[in-house]
């Protein structure tokens, strides 16, 4: 299982709509948080090891209406 975080910049006034559509339509999404700073949303996703991250981002995330830009963080290990 791969864990990735995606920072999303939305069109003005579209943050809540983007979050709602993403959580409803992208099954790999675990959590979505509104954040401050350069980006509007932080999305946590779990992908299968065989999933291609580039295709997932470009086909499942960047095609959502209201998304202006993304920045993806790929994780290595989770500590608890």
C-alpha atoms as a PDB file:
ATOM      1  CA  UNK A   1       0.000   0.000   0.000  1.00  0.00           C
ATOM      2  CA  UNK A   2       1.288   3.479  -0.932  1.00  0.00           C
ATOM      3  CA  UNK A   3       0.335   6.598   1.033  1.00  0.00           C
ATOM      4  CA  UNK A   4       0.461   9.954  -0.715  1.00  0.00           C
ATOM      5  CA  UNK A   5      -0.528  13.471   0.263  1.00  0.00           C
ATOM      6  CA  UNK A   6      -1.743  15.925  -2.352  1.00  0.00           C
ATOM      7  CA  UNK A   7      -1.807  19.653  -1.753  1.00  0.00           C
ATOM      8  CA  UNK A   8      -4.509  21.257  -3.896  1.00  0.00           C
ATOM      9  CA  UNK A   9      -4.984  24.868  -4.965  1.00  0.00           C
ATOM     10  CA  UNK A  10      -8.598  25.577  -5.924  1.00  0.00           C
ATOM     11  CA  UNK A  11     -10.303  28.222  -7.991  1.00  0.00           C
ATOM     12  CA  UNK A  12     -11.607  31.056  -5.836  1.00  0.00           C
ATOM     13  CA  UNK A  13     -14.767  30.085  -3.984  1.00  0.00           C
ATOM     14  CA  UNK A  14     -14.541  26.402  -4.942  1.00  0.00           C
ATOM     15  CA  UNK A  15     -12.738  24.831  -1.950  1.00  0.00           C
ATOM     16  CA  UNK A  16     -15.757  23.192  -0.332  1.00  0.00           C
ATOM     17  CA  UNK A  17     -17.178  22.022  -3.660  1.00  0.00           C
ATOM     18  CA  UNK A  18     -13.835  20.467  -4.649  1.00  0.00           C
ATOM     19  CA  UNK A  19     -13.490  18.738  -1.251  1.00  0.00           C
ATOM     20  CA  UNK A  20     -17.027  17.364  -1.401  1.00  0.00           C
ATOM     21  CA  UNK A  21     -16.713  16.084  -4.976  1.00  0.00           C
ATOM     22  CA  UNK A  22     -13.316  14.521  -4.290  1.00  0.00           C
ATOM     23  CA  UNK A  23     -14.309  12.648  -1.135  1.00  0.00           C
ATOM     24  CA  UNK A  24     -17.492  11.363  -2.815  1.00  0.00           C
ATOM     25  CA  UNK A  25     -15.942  10.261  -6.119  1.00  0.00           C
ATOM     26  CA  UNK A  26     -12.345   9.153  -5.455  1.00  0.00           C
ATOM     27  CA  UNK A  27     -12.354   5.928  -3.459  1.00  0.00           C
ATOM     28  CA  UNK A  28      -8.622   6.101  -2.661  1.00  0.00           C
ATOM     29  CA  UNK A  29      -9.142   9.277  -0.605  1.00  0.00           C
ATOM     30  CA  UNK A  30      -8.820   8.705   3.139  1.00  0.00           C
ATOM     31  CA  UNK A  31      -9.031  12.278   4.468  1.00  0.00           C
ATOM     32  CA  UNK A  32      -9.303  15.845   3.214  1.00  0.00           C
ATOM     33  CA  UNK A  33      -8.275  18.828   5.322  1.00  0.00           C
ATOM     34  CA  UNK A  34      -8.643  22.532   4.573  1.00  0.00           C
ATOM     35  CA  UNK A  35      -5.279  24.207   5.175  1.00  0.00           C
ATOM     36  CA  UNK A  36      -3.661  27.636   5.205  1.00  0.00           C
ATOM     37  CA  UNK A  37      -0.756  28.758   3.064  1.00  0.00           C
ATOM     38  CA  UNK A  38      -0.135  28.400  -0.662  1.00  0.00           C
ATOM     39  CA  UNK A  39      -2.623  25.545  -1.034  1.00  0.00           C
ATOM     40  CA  UNK A  40      -6.253  25.171   0.035  1.00  0.00           C
ATOM     41  CA  UNK A  41      -6.656  21.427   0.665  1.00  0.00           C
ATOM     42  CA  UNK A  42      -4.507  18.529   1.855  1.00  0.00           C
ATOM     43  CA  UNK A  43      -5.713  15.148   0.597  1.00  0.00           C
ATOM     44  CA  UNK A  44      -4.473  11.849   2.036  1.00  0.00           C
ATOM     45  CA  UNK A  45      -4.779   8.857  -0.298  1.00  0.00           C
ATOM     46  CA  UNK A  46      -3.984   5.173  -0.086  1.00  0.00           C
ATOM     47  CA  UNK A  47      -3.027   3.544  -3.389  1.00  0.00           C
ATOM     48  CA  UNK A  48      -2.314  -0.070  -4.185  1.00  0.00           C
ATOM     49  CA  UNK A  49       1.371  -0.855  -4.745  1.00  0.00           C
ATOM     50  CA  UNK A  50       0.596  -1.555  -8.402  1.00  0.00           C
ATOM     51  CA  UNK A  51      -1.146   1.823  -8.937  1.00  0.00           C
ATOM     52  CA  UNK A  52       0.737   4.427 -10.957  1.00  0.00           C
ATOM     53  CA  UNK A  53       0.825   7.657  -8.938  1.00  0.00           C
ATOM     54  CA  UNK A  54       1.213   9.871 -12.005  1.00  0.00           C
ATOM     55  CA  UNK A  55      -1.833   8.419 -13.721  1.00  0.00           C
ATOM     56  CA  UNK A  56      -3.848   8.625 -10.495  1.00  0.00           C
ATOM     57  CA  UNK A  57      -3.019  12.323 -10.014  1.00  0.00           C
ATOM     58  CA  UNK A  58      -3.543  13.326 -13.642  1.00  0.00           C
ATOM     59  CA  UNK A  59      -6.681  11.251 -14.266  1.00  0.00           C
ATOM     60  CA  UNK A  60      -8.502  11.130 -10.899  1.00  0.00           C
ATOM     61  CA  UNK A  61      -7.474  14.336  -9.110  1.00  0.00           C
ATOM     62  CA  UNK A  62      -6.484  17.008 -11.622  1.00  0.00           C
ATOM     63  CA  UNK A  63      -9.622  16.419 -13.688  1.00  0.00           C
ATOM     64  CA  UNK A  64     -11.915  17.491 -10.815  1.00  0.00           C
ATOM     65  CA  UNK A  65     -13.650  20.751 -11.633  1.00  0.00           C
ATOM     66  CA  UNK A  66     -12.313  23.664  -9.592  1.00  0.00           C
ATOM     67  CA  UNK A  67      -8.778  22.352  -9.094  1.00  0.00           C
ATOM     68  CA  UNK A  68      -6.177  24.826 -10.289  1.00  0.00           C
ATOM     69  CA  UNK A  69      -2.893  23.196  -9.174  1.00  0.00           C
ATOM     70  CA  UNK A  70      -1.552  20.218  -7.237  1.00  0.00           C
ATOM     71  CA  UNK A  71       1.638  19.276  -5.403  1.00  0.00           C
ATOM     72  CA  UNK A  72       2.151  15.620  -4.492  1.00  0.00           C
ATOM     73  CA  UNK A  73       4.149  14.225  -1.562  1.00  0.00           C
ATOM     74  CA  UNK A  74       5.102  10.554  -1.648  1.00  0.00           C
ATOM     75  CA  UNK A  75       5.668   8.955   1.749  1.00  0.00           C
ATOM     76  CA  UNK A  76       8.182   6.278   2.704  1.00  0.00           C
ATOM     77  CA  UNK A  77       7.349   5.128   6.223  1.00  0.00           C
ATOM     78  CA  UNK A  78       4.729   5.943   8.842  1.00  0.00           C
ATOM     79  CA  UNK A  79       5.834   6.214  12.477  1.00  0.00           C
ATOM     80  CA  UNK A  80       3.556   5.829  15.479  1.00  0.00           C
END
